[in-house]
Amino acid sequence: MLNEQTIAPLNAMKIFGMARGFEVRLNSPQCADLSHADFVGLVMLELSSTRWIDAHRSVLITGPAGIGKSYMACALGNFAARSGYTVLYLRWSRLSETLQQSRGDGSHLKTLARLAKAQVLIIDDFLLTPPIDWERRDLLEIVKDRYQAGATVITSQCPVGDWHPNIGDPTLADAICDRLIHNAYKIELRGDSMRKNLKEGLAANQKNGKGGSLADDTASS
């Protein structure tokens, strides 16, 4: 079994919360079928090395809000940076703003080149809003430039299977999805929001007379 081999890489990448959660699930009496755990183990063992970066593979992380997608993407980015790779992180909304501004100040090609040059590009919160035509075309340019040339990490609340219709234009969606999904690691996170669980836990502690105020604790999280 790959249980211990899975937990060690998670800790090495400083994804401590996920490591603890994985260990708790494995020790749960309800967790009888570990085939999924073995699958996660194989994926995390691969991602805990730099092979996925050198092979220019995509990592697509999907799941509901608050489940830990951004945390996991940033952990991969930090791991890559500590390993000597150049990493660029942008939320989808900020990427769109940056590209729109570059069109106005004449630095559009330079901006696209910077996105292509990063050895690891992280796009967070992809498809929170449907892209408009120029966003789709710019995204295609980014994906084309990075295909088999750089590693790309994308997080989204939208399941990978729904990316094509949500991108919009079928022709552009075909070209974008084909390059992003081909040879990609697809990680679908499930469960309740960690922020919701944190608030409920803090509220329970407050009710029982433990800890500080809920407002103070959540404001610093």
N, C-alpha and C. Protein backbone atom coordinates (compact mmCIF):
# COMPACT_ATOMS: atom_id res chain seq x y z
N MET A 1 0.84 -1.19 0.00
CA MET A 1 0.00 0.00 0.00
C MET A 1 0.88 1.25 0.00
N LEU A 2 0.32 2.35 -0.48
CA LEU A 2 1.10 3.55 -0.65
C LEU A 2 0.78 4.61 0.41
N ASN A 3 0.15 4.19 1.51
CA ASN A 3 -0.34 5.17 2.48
C ASN A 3 0.78 6.01 3.07
N GLU A 4 1.82 5.34 3.62
CA GLU A 4 2.91 6.09 4.22
C GLU A 4 3.68 6.87 3.16
N GLN A 5 3.80 6.29 1.96
CA GLN A 5 4.51 6.97 0.88
C GLN A 5 3.72 8.17 0.37
N THR A 6 2.41 8.18 0.60
CA THR A 6 1.60 9.32 0.21
C THR A 6 1.72 10.45 1.23
N ILE A 7 1.65 10.11 2.51
CA ILE A 7 1.68 11.12 3.56
C ILE A 7 3.02 11.85 3.59
N ALA A 8 4.11 11.12 3.39
CA ALA A 8 5.44 11.75 3.43
C ALA A 8 5.60 12.85 2.38
N PRO A 9 5.25 12.61 1.11
CA PRO A 9 5.37 13.70 0.12
C PRO A 9 4.46 14.88 0.43
N LEU A 10 3.25 14.62 0.96
CA LEU A 10 2.36 15.71 1.32
C LEU A 10 3.01 16.61 2.36
N ASN A 11 3.64 15.99 3.36
CA ASN A 11 4.34 16.77 4.38
C ASN A 11 5.55 17.48 3.79
N ALA A 12 6.23 16.81 2.87
CA ALA A 12 7.42 17.41 2.25
C ALA A 12 7.05 18.66 1.46
N MET A 13 5.87 18.66 0.84
CA MET A 13 5.41 19.82 0.09
C MET A 13 4.70 20.83 0.99
N LYS A 14 4.70 20.53 2.30
CA LYS A 14 4.09 21.40 3.32
C LYS A 14 2.59 21.51 3.16
N ILE A 15 1.96 20.44 2.63
CA ILE A 15 0.50 20.38 2.59
C ILE A 15 0.06 19.61 3.83
N PHE A 16 0.33 20.20 5.00
CA PHE A 16 0.16 19.48 6.25
C PHE A 16 -1.30 19.14 6.53
N GLY A 17 -2.20 20.08 6.21
CA GLY A 17 -3.61 19.82 6.45
C GLY A 17 -4.12 18.65 5.63
N MET A 18 -3.71 18.58 4.37
CA MET A 18 -4.13 17.48 3.52
C MET A 18 -3.53 16.16 4.00
N ALA A 19 -2.29 16.21 4.48
CA ALA A 19 -1.65 15.01 5.01
C ALA A 19 -2.40 14.48 6.22
N ARG A 20 -2.77 15.39 7.13
CA ARG A 20 -3.52 14.96 8.32
C ARG A 20 -4.88 14.41 7.94
N GLY A 21 -5.55 15.11 7.01
CA GLY A 21 -6.87 14.64 6.57
C GLY A 21 -6.80 13.28 5.91
N PHE A 22 -5.76 13.07 5.09
CA PHE A 22 -5.59 11.80 4.41
C PHE A 22 -5.37 10.67 5.42
N GLU A 23 -4.54 10.97 6.44
CA GLU A 23 -4.26 9.96 7.46
C GLU A 23 -5.50 9.63 8.27
N VAL A 24 -6.30 10.64 8.59
CA VAL A 24 -7.53 10.41 9.34
C VAL A 24 -8.49 9.53 8.55
N ARG A 25 -8.61 9.82 7.26
CA ARG A 25 -9.51 9.03 6.42
C ARG A 25 -9.05 7.57 6.34
N LEU A 26 -7.74 7.36 6.25
CA LEU A 26 -7.22 6.00 6.17
C LEU A 26 -7.49 5.22 7.44
N ASN A 27 -7.47 5.92 8.58
CA ASN A 27 -7.67 5.25 9.86
C ASN A 27 -9.14 5.11 10.23
N SER A 28 -10.01 5.67 9.38
CA SER A 28 -11.43 5.59 9.66
C SER A 28 -11.95 4.19 9.34
N PRO A 29 -12.80 3.61 10.21
CA PRO A 29 -13.35 2.27 9.95
C PRO A 29 -14.26 2.25 8.73
N GLN A 30 -14.76 3.46 8.34
CA GLN A 30 -15.61 3.51 7.14
C GLN A 30 -14.81 3.43 5.85
N CYS A 31 -13.48 3.60 5.96
CA CYS A 31 -12.64 3.64 4.76
C CYS A 31 -12.15 2.23 4.43
N ALA A 32 -13.03 1.43 3.86
CA ALA A 32 -12.69 0.03 3.60
C ALA A 32 -12.01 -0.15 2.25
N ASP A 33 -12.45 0.61 1.25
CA ASP A 33 -11.89 0.47 -0.10
C ASP A 33 -10.81 1.53 -0.28
N LEU A 34 -9.57 1.13 -0.40
CA LEU A 34 -8.46 2.06 -0.48
C LEU A 34 -7.93 2.24 -1.90
N SER A 35 -8.70 1.81 -2.89
CA SER A 35 -8.22 1.96 -4.26
C SER A 35 -8.02 3.44 -4.59
N HIS A 36 -8.92 4.28 -4.11
CA HIS A 36 -8.77 5.72 -4.35
C HIS A 36 -7.53 6.24 -3.64
N ALA A 37 -7.28 5.74 -2.43
CA ALA A 37 -6.09 6.17 -1.69
C ALA A 37 -4.82 5.79 -2.45
N ASP A 38 -4.82 4.59 -3.02
CA ASP A 38 -3.66 4.18 -3.81
C ASP A 38 -3.46 5.10 -5.01
N PHE A 39 -4.59 5.47 -5.64
CA PHE A 39 -4.50 6.37 -6.79
C PHE A 39 -3.91 7.72 -6.37
N VAL A 40 -4.44 8.27 -5.27
CA VAL A 40 -3.91 9.53 -4.76
C VAL A 40 -2.44 9.39 -4.43
N GLY A 41 -2.07 8.23 -3.87
CA GLY A 41 -0.66 8.00 -3.54
C GLY A 41 0.23 8.07 -4.76
N LEU A 42 -0.19 7.44 -5.83
CA LEU A 42 0.62 7.46 -7.04
C LEU A 42 0.75 8.87 -7.60
N VAL A 43 -0.36 9.63 -7.59
CA VAL A 43 -0.33 10.99 -8.09
C VAL A 43 0.59 11.86 -7.24
N MET A 44 0.45 11.76 -5.89
CA MET A 44 1.25 12.63 -5.03
C MET A 44 2.72 12.26 -5.05
N LEU A 45 3.03 10.98 -5.22
CA LEU A 45 4.43 10.59 -5.36
C LEU A 45 5.05 11.22 -6.60
N GLU A 46 4.26 11.27 -7.68
CA GLU A 46 4.75 11.87 -8.91
C GLU A 46 4.93 13.37 -8.75
N LEU A 47 3.95 14.03 -8.10
CA LEU A 47 4.01 15.48 -7.96
C LEU A 47 5.03 15.92 -6.93
N SER A 48 5.45 15.01 -6.04
CA SER A 48 6.43 15.39 -5.03
C SER A 48 7.85 15.39 -5.58
N SER A 49 8.01 14.96 -6.83
CA SER A 49 9.29 15.10 -7.53
C SER A 49 9.11 16.20 -8.56
N THR A 50 10.14 16.50 -9.31
CA THR A 50 10.05 17.55 -10.33
C THR A 50 9.78 16.97 -11.72
N ARG A 51 9.44 15.69 -11.78
CA ARG A 51 9.23 15.07 -13.10
C ARG A 51 8.10 15.73 -13.87
N TRP A 52 7.02 16.09 -13.16
CA TRP A 52 5.87 16.71 -13.84
C TRP A 52 6.23 18.07 -14.42
N ILE A 53 7.17 18.76 -13.78
CA ILE A 53 7.61 20.06 -14.30
C ILE A 53 8.49 19.86 -15.53
N ASP A 54 9.44 18.94 -15.41
CA ASP A 54 10.35 18.69 -16.53
C ASP A 54 9.62 18.12 -17.75
N ALA A 55 8.51 17.40 -17.48
CA ALA A 55 7.73 16.82 -18.58
C ALA A 55 6.68 17.80 -19.10
N HIS A 56 6.63 19.02 -18.53
CA HIS A 56 5.71 20.07 -18.97
C HIS A 56 4.25 19.61 -18.92
N ARG A 57 3.90 18.97 -17.80
CA ARG A 57 2.54 18.46 -17.68
C ARG A 57 1.65 19.48 -16.95
N SER A 58 0.35 19.39 -17.21
CA SER A 58 -0.63 20.23 -16.52
C SER A 58 -1.13 19.50 -15.27
N VAL A 59 -1.50 20.28 -14.26
CA VAL A 59 -2.15 19.76 -13.06
C VAL A 59 -3.46 20.52 -12.93
N LEU A 60 -4.58 19.82 -13.07
CA LEU A 60 -5.91 20.44 -13.05
C LEU A 60 -6.60 20.04 -11.76
N ILE A 61 -6.83 21.01 -10.88
CA ILE A 61 -7.39 20.76 -9.55
C ILE A 61 -8.78 21.37 -9.49
N THR A 62 -9.80 20.53 -9.30
CA THR A 62 -11.17 21.02 -9.28
C THR A 62 -11.85 20.61 -7.98
N GLY A 63 -12.94 21.30 -7.66
CA GLY A 63 -13.70 21.00 -6.46
C GLY A 63 -14.45 22.23 -5.99
N PRO A 64 -15.33 22.07 -5.01
CA PRO A 64 -16.14 23.19 -4.53
C PRO A 64 -15.31 24.24 -3.82
N ALA A 65 -15.92 25.38 -3.54
CA ALA A 65 -15.22 26.47 -2.87
C ALA A 65 -14.80 26.05 -1.47
N GLY A 66 -13.61 26.49 -1.07
CA GLY A 66 -13.14 26.26 0.29
C GLY A 66 -12.58 24.88 0.56
N ILE A 67 -12.41 24.06 -0.48
CA ILE A 67 -11.97 22.67 -0.28
C ILE A 67 -10.45 22.54 -0.22
N GLY A 68 -9.72 23.58 -0.64
CA GLY A 68 -8.26 23.54 -0.57
C GLY A 68 -7.55 23.54 -1.90
N LYS A 69 -8.25 23.93 -2.97
CA LYS A 69 -7.65 23.92 -4.31
C LYS A 69 -6.49 24.90 -4.41
N SER A 70 -6.74 26.14 -3.98
CA SER A 70 -5.70 27.17 -4.06
C SER A 70 -4.52 26.81 -3.16
N TYR A 71 -4.82 26.25 -2.00
CA TYR A 71 -3.76 25.86 -1.07
C TYR A 71 -2.85 24.82 -1.71
N MET A 72 -3.47 23.83 -2.37
CA MET A 72 -2.70 22.78 -3.00
C MET A 72 -1.89 23.33 -4.17
N ALA A 73 -2.50 24.21 -4.97
CA ALA A 73 -1.79 24.79 -6.11
C ALA A 73 -0.59 25.61 -5.65
N CYS A 74 -0.79 26.39 -4.58
CA CYS A 74 0.32 27.20 -4.06
C CYS A 74 1.40 26.32 -3.44
N ALA A 75 1.01 25.21 -2.84
CA ALA A 75 2.00 24.28 -2.29
C ALA A 75 2.86 23.71 -3.42
N LEU A 76 2.23 23.37 -4.54
CA LEU A 76 2.99 22.88 -5.70
C LEU A 76 3.91 23.98 -6.23
N GLY A 77 3.39 25.22 -6.25
CA GLY A 77 4.21 26.32 -6.71
C GLY A 77 5.40 26.59 -5.80
N ASN A 78 5.17 26.54 -4.49
CA ASN A 78 6.26 26.73 -3.54
C ASN A 78 7.31 25.63 -3.66
N PHE A 79 6.82 24.40 -3.85
CA PHE A 79 7.72 23.27 -4.03
C PHE A 79 8.58 23.47 -5.28
N ALA A 80 7.95 23.92 -6.37
CA ALA A 80 8.69 24.15 -7.62
C ALA A 80 9.73 25.27 -7.44
N ALA A 81 9.32 26.34 -6.74
CA ALA A 81 10.24 27.46 -6.53
C ALA A 81 11.43 27.04 -5.68
N ARG A 82 11.17 26.24 -4.63
CA ARG A 82 12.26 25.76 -3.79
C ARG A 82 13.20 24.83 -4.55
N SER A 83 12.66 24.23 -5.61
CA SER A 83 13.47 23.32 -6.43
C SER A 83 14.21 24.06 -7.54
N GLY A 84 14.07 25.38 -7.58
CA GLY A 84 14.84 26.18 -8.53
C GLY A 84 14.13 26.57 -9.80
N TYR A 85 12.82 26.33 -9.89
CA TYR A 85 12.06 26.67 -11.09
C TYR A 85 11.40 28.04 -10.94
N THR A 86 11.20 28.72 -12.06
CA THR A 86 10.50 30.00 -12.02
C THR A 86 8.99 29.74 -11.99
N VAL A 87 8.29 30.43 -11.09
CA VAL A 87 6.87 30.20 -10.87
C VAL A 87 6.12 31.52 -10.96
N LEU A 88 5.00 31.53 -11.66
CA LEU A 88 4.15 32.71 -11.77
C LEU A 88 2.73 32.32 -11.37
N TYR A 89 2.18 33.04 -10.40
CA TYR A 89 0.82 32.78 -9.91
C TYR A 89 -0.09 33.95 -10.25
N LEU A 90 -1.26 33.64 -10.81
CA LEU A 90 -2.26 34.66 -11.12
C LEU A 90 -3.66 34.07 -10.96
N ARG A 91 -4.54 34.81 -10.30
CA ARG A 91 -5.94 34.43 -10.34
C ARG A 91 -6.48 34.72 -11.74
N TRP A 92 -7.47 33.96 -12.15
CA TRP A 92 -8.03 34.12 -13.49
C TRP A 92 -8.49 35.58 -13.72
N SER A 93 -9.14 36.17 -12.71
CA SER A 93 -9.61 37.55 -12.86
C SER A 93 -8.44 38.51 -13.02
N ARG A 94 -7.37 38.31 -12.25
CA ARG A 94 -6.21 39.19 -12.35
C ARG A 94 -5.47 38.98 -13.68
N LEU A 95 -5.43 37.74 -14.15
CA LEU A 95 -4.81 37.46 -15.45
C LEU A 95 -5.55 38.22 -16.54
N SER A 96 -6.88 38.19 -16.48
CA SER A 96 -7.68 38.90 -17.47
C SER A 96 -7.42 40.40 -17.42
N GLU A 97 -7.35 40.96 -16.21
CA GLU A 97 -7.07 42.40 -16.06
C GLU A 97 -5.70 42.76 -16.62
N THR A 98 -4.72 41.90 -16.34
CA THR A 98 -3.35 42.14 -16.81
C THR A 98 -3.30 42.13 -18.34
N LEU A 99 -3.97 41.17 -18.94
CA LEU A 99 -3.97 41.08 -20.40
C LEU A 99 -4.70 42.26 -21.03
N GLN A 100 -5.81 42.66 -20.41
CA GLN A 100 -6.56 43.79 -20.93
C GLN A 100 -5.74 45.08 -20.85
N GLN A 101 -5.06 45.28 -19.74
CA GLN A 101 -4.21 46.46 -19.59
C GLN A 101 -3.07 46.46 -20.60
N SER A 102 -2.50 45.26 -20.83
CA SER A 102 -1.37 45.18 -21.76
C SER A 102 -1.80 45.51 -23.18
N ARG A 103 -3.04 45.25 -23.50
CA ARG A 103 -3.54 45.61 -24.83
C ARG A 103 -3.59 47.13 -25.00
N GLY A 104 -3.88 47.81 -23.89
CA GLY A 104 -4.00 49.26 -23.96
C GLY A 104 -2.67 49.99 -23.94
N ASP A 105 -1.65 49.41 -23.27
CA ASP A 105 -0.37 50.12 -23.17
C ASP A 105 0.70 49.59 -24.13
N GLY A 106 0.30 48.69 -25.02
CA GLY A 106 1.23 48.22 -26.04
C GLY A 106 2.18 47.12 -25.60
N SER A 107 1.94 46.54 -24.42
CA SER A 107 2.85 45.50 -23.92
C SER A 107 2.25 44.10 -24.01
N HIS A 108 1.25 43.94 -24.89
CA HIS A 108 0.53 42.66 -24.96
C HIS A 108 1.45 41.50 -25.32
N LEU A 109 2.24 41.65 -26.34
CA LEU A 109 3.13 40.57 -26.76
C LEU A 109 4.17 40.26 -25.67
N LYS A 110 4.65 41.30 -25.00
CA LYS A 110 5.62 41.12 -23.93
C LYS A 110 4.98 40.36 -22.75
N THR A 111 3.71 40.67 -22.48
CA THR A 111 3.00 39.98 -21.39
C THR A 111 2.80 38.51 -21.73
N LEU A 112 2.41 38.22 -22.96
CA LEU A 112 2.25 36.83 -23.39
C LEU A 112 3.58 36.09 -23.30
N ALA A 113 4.66 36.76 -23.66
CA ALA A 113 5.98 36.13 -23.60
C ALA A 113 6.37 35.82 -22.16
N ARG A 114 6.02 36.72 -21.23
CA ARG A 114 6.33 36.48 -19.81
C ARG A 114 5.56 35.27 -19.29
N LEU A 115 4.30 35.15 -19.71
CA LEU A 115 3.49 34.00 -19.29
C LEU A 115 4.04 32.70 -19.88
N ALA A 116 4.54 32.78 -21.09
CA ALA A 116 5.10 31.59 -21.75
C ALA A 116 6.42 31.18 -21.12
N LYS A 117 7.17 32.15 -20.62
CA LYS A 117 8.52 31.89 -20.12
C LYS A 117 8.54 31.21 -18.77
N ALA A 118 7.52 31.45 -17.94
CA ALA A 118 7.50 30.85 -16.60
C ALA A 118 7.52 29.32 -16.71
N GLN A 119 8.39 28.70 -15.94
CA GLN A 119 8.47 27.23 -15.99
C GLN A 119 7.26 26.58 -15.36
N VAL A 120 6.65 27.25 -14.38
CA VAL A 120 5.40 26.80 -13.79
C VAL A 120 4.45 28.00 -13.73
N LEU A 121 3.31 27.89 -14.40
CA LEU A 121 2.29 28.93 -14.37
C LEU A 121 1.08 28.40 -13.60
N ILE A 122 0.64 29.16 -12.60
CA ILE A 122 -0.54 28.78 -11.82
C ILE A 122 -1.66 29.76 -12.13
N ILE A 123 -2.78 29.24 -12.60
CA ILE A 123 -3.98 30.05 -12.85
C ILE A 123 -5.04 29.58 -11.85
N ASP A 124 -5.38 30.45 -10.91
CA ASP A 124 -6.30 30.11 -9.83
C ASP A 124 -7.71 30.61 -10.14
N ASP A 125 -8.71 29.86 -9.72
CA ASP A 125 -10.13 30.24 -9.88
C ASP A 125 -10.51 30.41 -11.34
N PHE A 126 -10.10 29.48 -12.17
CA PHE A 126 -10.42 29.50 -13.60
C PHE A 126 -11.93 29.30 -13.79
N LEU A 127 -12.50 30.06 -14.72
CA LEU A 127 -13.90 29.95 -15.13
C LEU A 127 -14.90 30.31 -14.03
N LEU A 128 -14.51 31.19 -13.10
CA LEU A 128 -15.51 31.71 -12.16
C LEU A 128 -16.56 32.51 -12.93
N THR A 129 -16.12 33.16 -14.00
CA THR A 129 -17.02 33.85 -14.92
C THR A 129 -16.71 33.39 -16.33
N PRO A 130 -17.70 33.27 -17.20
CA PRO A 130 -17.45 32.83 -18.58
C PRO A 130 -16.55 33.82 -19.31
N PRO A 131 -15.54 33.34 -20.02
CA PRO A 131 -14.64 34.25 -20.75
C PRO A 131 -15.34 34.87 -21.95
N ILE A 132 -14.96 36.10 -22.25
CA ILE A 132 -15.45 36.75 -23.47
C ILE A 132 -14.47 36.43 -24.59
N ASP A 133 -14.78 36.91 -25.80
CA ASP A 133 -14.05 36.45 -26.98
C ASP A 133 -12.54 36.70 -26.88
N TRP A 134 -12.12 37.92 -26.51
CA TRP A 134 -10.68 38.20 -26.48
C TRP A 134 -9.99 37.39 -25.38
N GLU A 135 -10.71 37.11 -24.27
CA GLU A 135 -10.12 36.28 -23.21
C GLU A 135 -9.89 34.86 -23.70
N ARG A 136 -10.85 34.32 -24.46
CA ARG A 136 -10.68 32.98 -25.03
C ARG A 136 -9.48 32.94 -25.97
N ARG A 137 -9.35 33.97 -26.81
CA ARG A 137 -8.25 33.99 -27.78
C ARG A 137 -6.89 34.14 -27.08
N ASP A 138 -6.84 34.97 -26.06
CA ASP A 138 -5.58 35.11 -25.31
C ASP A 138 -5.24 33.82 -24.57
N LEU A 139 -6.26 33.19 -24.00
CA LEU A 139 -6.03 31.92 -23.30
C LEU A 139 -5.48 30.88 -24.25
N LEU A 140 -6.01 30.84 -25.46
CA LEU A 140 -5.49 29.89 -26.45
C LEU A 140 -4.02 30.18 -26.76
N GLU A 141 -3.67 31.45 -26.88
CA GLU A 141 -2.27 31.79 -27.15
C GLU A 141 -1.37 31.33 -26.00
N ILE A 142 -1.84 31.54 -24.77
CA ILE A 142 -1.06 31.12 -23.59
C ILE A 142 -0.89 29.61 -23.58
N VAL A 143 -1.98 28.89 -23.82
CA VAL A 143 -1.94 27.42 -23.78
C VAL A 143 -1.06 26.89 -24.91
N LYS A 144 -1.17 27.48 -26.10
CA LYS A 144 -0.34 27.04 -27.23
C LYS A 144 1.14 27.27 -26.95
N ASP A 145 1.46 28.44 -26.37
CA ASP A 145 2.86 28.75 -26.09
C ASP A 145 3.44 27.80 -25.04
N ARG A 146 2.60 27.37 -24.10
CA ARG A 146 3.09 26.57 -22.98
C ARG A 146 3.02 25.07 -23.25
N TYR A 147 2.27 24.67 -24.25
CA TYR A 147 2.10 23.24 -24.52
C TYR A 147 3.45 22.59 -24.83
N GLN A 148 3.80 21.59 -24.03
CA GLN A 148 5.07 20.87 -24.14
C GLN A 148 6.28 21.80 -23.99
N ALA A 149 6.05 22.96 -23.32
CA ALA A 149 7.15 23.89 -23.07
C ALA A 149 7.20 24.35 -21.62
N GLY A 150 6.10 24.19 -20.88
CA GLY A 150 6.05 24.60 -19.48
C GLY A 150 4.95 23.86 -18.75
N ALA A 151 5.07 23.77 -17.43
CA ALA A 151 4.06 23.12 -16.60
C ALA A 151 3.01 24.15 -16.20
N THR A 152 1.74 23.76 -16.21
CA THR A 152 0.65 24.67 -15.89
C THR A 152 -0.25 24.04 -14.83
N VAL A 153 -0.53 24.78 -13.77
CA VAL A 153 -1.43 24.34 -12.70
C VAL A 153 -2.67 25.22 -12.75
N ILE A 154 -3.83 24.60 -12.82
CA ILE A 154 -5.10 25.35 -12.89
C ILE A 154 -6.05 24.84 -11.83
N THR A 155 -6.68 25.76 -11.09
CA THR A 155 -7.73 25.37 -10.16
C THR A 155 -9.06 25.94 -10.66
N SER A 156 -10.12 25.21 -10.39
CA SER A 156 -11.44 25.66 -10.84
C SER A 156 -12.53 24.99 -10.03
N GLN A 157 -13.61 25.72 -9.76
CA GLN A 157 -14.79 25.10 -9.18
C GLN A 157 -15.56 24.31 -10.23
N CYS A 158 -15.29 24.59 -11.48
CA CYS A 158 -15.97 23.93 -12.59
C CYS A 158 -15.29 22.60 -12.91
N PRO A 159 -16.02 21.47 -12.91
CA PRO A 159 -15.40 20.19 -13.25
C PRO A 159 -14.77 20.22 -14.64
N VAL A 160 -13.69 19.50 -14.79
CA VAL A 160 -12.97 19.50 -16.07
C VAL A 160 -13.89 19.14 -17.22
N GLY A 161 -14.81 18.21 -17.00
CA GLY A 161 -15.73 17.80 -18.05
C GLY A 161 -16.65 18.91 -18.52
N ASP A 162 -16.78 19.97 -17.73
CA ASP A 162 -17.65 21.09 -18.10
C ASP A 162 -16.87 22.29 -18.65
N TRP A 163 -15.56 22.15 -18.76
CA TRP A 163 -14.77 23.29 -19.24
C TRP A 163 -15.12 23.68 -20.67
N HIS A 164 -15.30 22.67 -21.52
CA HIS A 164 -15.55 22.95 -22.94
C HIS A 164 -16.77 23.84 -23.13
N PRO A 165 -17.95 23.46 -22.59
CA PRO A 165 -19.11 24.33 -22.80
C PRO A 165 -18.99 25.68 -22.09
N ASN A 166 -18.28 25.73 -20.97
CA ASN A 166 -18.16 26.98 -20.23
C ASN A 166 -17.16 27.94 -20.86
N ILE A 167 -16.21 27.43 -21.61
CA ILE A 167 -15.28 28.32 -22.32
C ILE A 167 -16.02 29.09 -23.41
N GLY A 168 -16.98 28.41 -24.05
CA GLY A 168 -17.82 29.12 -25.02
C GLY A 168 -17.60 28.66 -26.43
N ASP A 169 -16.94 29.45 -27.23
CA ASP A 169 -16.72 29.16 -28.66
C ASP A 169 -16.21 27.73 -28.84
N PRO A 170 -16.98 26.87 -29.54
CA PRO A 170 -16.60 25.45 -29.64
C PRO A 170 -15.23 25.22 -30.28
N THR A 171 -14.90 26.00 -31.30
CA THR A 171 -13.62 25.81 -31.98
C THR A 171 -12.45 26.16 -31.06
N LEU A 172 -12.55 27.31 -30.39
CA LEU A 172 -11.49 27.70 -29.47
C LEU A 172 -11.45 26.77 -28.26
N ALA A 173 -12.61 26.36 -27.79
CA ALA A 173 -12.68 25.44 -26.65
C ALA A 173 -12.01 24.11 -26.98
N ASP A 174 -12.21 23.62 -28.20
CA ASP A 174 -11.55 22.38 -28.64
C ASP A 174 -10.04 22.52 -28.52
N ALA A 175 -9.50 23.61 -29.06
CA ALA A 175 -8.05 23.81 -29.09
C ALA A 175 -7.49 24.00 -27.68
N ILE A 176 -8.22 24.73 -26.83
CA ILE A 176 -7.75 24.99 -25.47
C ILE A 176 -7.78 23.71 -24.64
N CYS A 177 -8.93 23.03 -24.64
CA CYS A 177 -9.09 21.83 -23.80
C CYS A 177 -8.17 20.70 -24.27
N ASP A 178 -8.00 20.57 -25.56
CA ASP A 178 -7.14 19.51 -26.08
C ASP A 178 -5.72 19.63 -25.52
N ARG A 179 -5.21 20.87 -25.48
CA ARG A 179 -3.84 21.07 -24.99
C ARG A 179 -3.75 21.01 -23.47
N LEU A 180 -4.77 21.53 -22.79
CA LEU A 180 -4.72 21.53 -21.33
C LEU A 180 -4.92 20.14 -20.74
N ILE A 181 -5.86 19.39 -21.28
CA ILE A 181 -6.25 18.12 -20.67
C ILE A 181 -5.35 16.98 -21.09
N HIS A 182 -4.75 17.06 -22.28
CA HIS A 182 -3.87 16.00 -22.75
C HIS A 182 -2.70 15.81 -21.79
N ASN A 183 -2.52 14.60 -21.33
CA ASN A 183 -1.38 14.24 -20.48
C ASN A 183 -1.37 15.02 -19.16
N ALA A 184 -2.57 15.41 -18.68
CA ALA A 184 -2.65 16.20 -17.45
C ALA A 184 -2.97 15.31 -16.25
N TYR A 185 -2.53 15.76 -15.07
CA TYR A 185 -3.01 15.17 -13.82
C TYR A 185 -4.32 15.87 -13.49
N LYS A 186 -5.38 15.10 -13.30
CA LYS A 186 -6.69 15.67 -12.96
C LYS A 186 -7.02 15.25 -11.52
N ILE A 187 -7.07 16.23 -10.63
CA ILE A 187 -7.32 15.98 -9.22
C ILE A 187 -8.65 16.63 -8.84
N GLU A 188 -9.65 15.81 -8.51
CA GLU A 188 -10.96 16.32 -8.11
C GLU A 188 -11.09 16.19 -6.59
N LEU A 189 -11.15 17.33 -5.91
CA LEU A 189 -11.28 17.34 -4.46
C LEU A 189 -12.76 17.35 -4.08
N ARG A 190 -13.11 16.60 -3.07
CA ARG A 190 -14.50 16.52 -2.62
C ARG A 190 -14.57 16.74 -1.12
N GLY A 191 -15.75 17.11 -0.67
CA GLY A 191 -15.96 17.28 0.76
C GLY A 191 -16.53 18.65 1.07
N ASP A 192 -16.63 18.94 2.38
CA ASP A 192 -17.17 20.21 2.83
C ASP A 192 -16.08 21.28 2.81
N SER A 193 -16.52 22.53 2.77
CA SER A 193 -15.61 23.66 2.80
C SER A 193 -14.81 23.66 4.10
N MET A 194 -13.48 23.79 3.97
CA MET A 194 -12.65 23.87 5.17
C MET A 194 -12.92 25.15 5.94
N ARG A 195 -13.28 26.22 5.22
CA ARG A 195 -13.61 27.46 5.91
C ARG A 195 -14.89 27.31 6.71
N LYS A 196 -15.87 26.59 6.15
CA LYS A 196 -17.11 26.34 6.87
C LYS A 196 -16.84 25.50 8.12
N ASN A 197 -16.03 24.44 7.95
CA ASN A 197 -15.71 23.59 9.11
C ASN A 197 -14.95 24.37 10.17
N LEU A 198 -14.06 25.29 9.73
CA LEU A 198 -13.30 26.09 10.69
C LEU A 198 -14.24 26.99 11.48
N LYS A 199 -15.16 27.64 10.79
CA LYS A 199 -16.10 28.53 11.48
C LYS A 199 -16.97 27.75 12.46
N GLU A 200 -17.44 26.55 12.02
CA GLU A 200 -18.27 25.74 12.91
C GLU A 200 -17.48 25.30 14.14
N GLY A 201 -16.21 24.95 13.92
CA GLY A 201 -15.38 24.53 15.04
C GLY A 201 -15.11 25.67 16.01
N LEU A 202 -14.84 26.85 15.46
CA LEU A 202 -14.61 28.02 16.30
C LEU A 202 -15.88 28.40 17.06
N ALA A 203 -17.02 28.29 16.37
CA ALA A 203 -18.29 28.61 17.03
C ALA A 203 -18.56 27.64 18.17
N ALA A 204 -18.25 26.35 17.94
CA ALA A 204 -18.45 25.34 18.99
C ALA A 204 -17.53 25.60 20.18
N ASN A 205 -16.28 25.98 19.89
CA ASN A 205 -15.34 26.29 20.97
C ASN A 205 -15.80 27.50 21.77
N GLN A 206 -16.32 28.51 21.03
CA GLN A 206 -16.80 29.71 21.71
C GLN A 206 -17.98 29.38 22.60
N LYS A 207 -18.88 28.52 22.11
CA LYS A 207 -20.05 28.12 22.88
C LYS A 207 -19.65 27.38 24.14
N ASN A 208 -18.57 26.60 24.03
CA ASN A 208 -18.11 25.82 25.17
C ASN A 208 -17.14 26.60 26.05
N GLY A 209 -16.94 27.88 25.70
CA GLY A 209 -16.06 28.71 26.51
C GLY A 209 -14.61 28.55 26.22
N LYS A 210 -14.26 28.04 25.03
CA LYS A 210 -12.86 27.84 24.66
C LYS A 210 -12.50 28.81 23.54
N GLY A 211 -11.27 29.32 23.61
CA GLY A 211 -10.76 30.16 22.52
C GLY A 211 -11.31 31.56 22.56
N GLY A 212 -10.90 32.37 21.57
CA GLY A 212 -11.32 33.76 21.48
C GLY A 212 -12.61 33.91 20.73
N SER A 213 -12.88 35.12 20.31
CA SER A 213 -14.13 35.39 19.60
C SER A 213 -14.04 34.85 18.18
N LEU A 214 -15.21 34.49 17.63
CA LEU A 214 -15.26 33.96 16.27
C LEU A 214 -14.79 35.01 15.27
N ALA A 215 -15.18 36.26 15.49
CA ALA A 215 -14.81 37.31 14.55
C ALA A 215 -13.30 37.50 14.51
N ASP A 216 -12.66 37.51 15.69
CA ASP A 216 -11.21 37.70 15.73
C ASP A 216 -10.49 36.55 15.06
N ASP A 217 -10.93 35.32 15.31
CA ASP A 217 -10.24 34.15 14.76
C ASP A 217 -10.38 34.08 13.26
N THR A 218 -11.59 34.32 12.74
CA THR A 218 -11.80 34.20 11.29
C THR A 218 -11.14 35.35 10.56
N ALA A 219 -11.02 36.49 11.19
CA ALA A 219 -10.40 37.63 10.52
C ALA A 219 -8.92 37.39 10.29
N SER A 220 -8.30 36.58 11.12
CA SER A 220 -6.87 36.35 10.97
C SER A 220 -6.55 35.11 10.17
N SER A 221 -7.57 34.40 9.68
CA SER A 221 -7.33 33.15 8.95
C SER A 221 -7.06 33.42 7.50
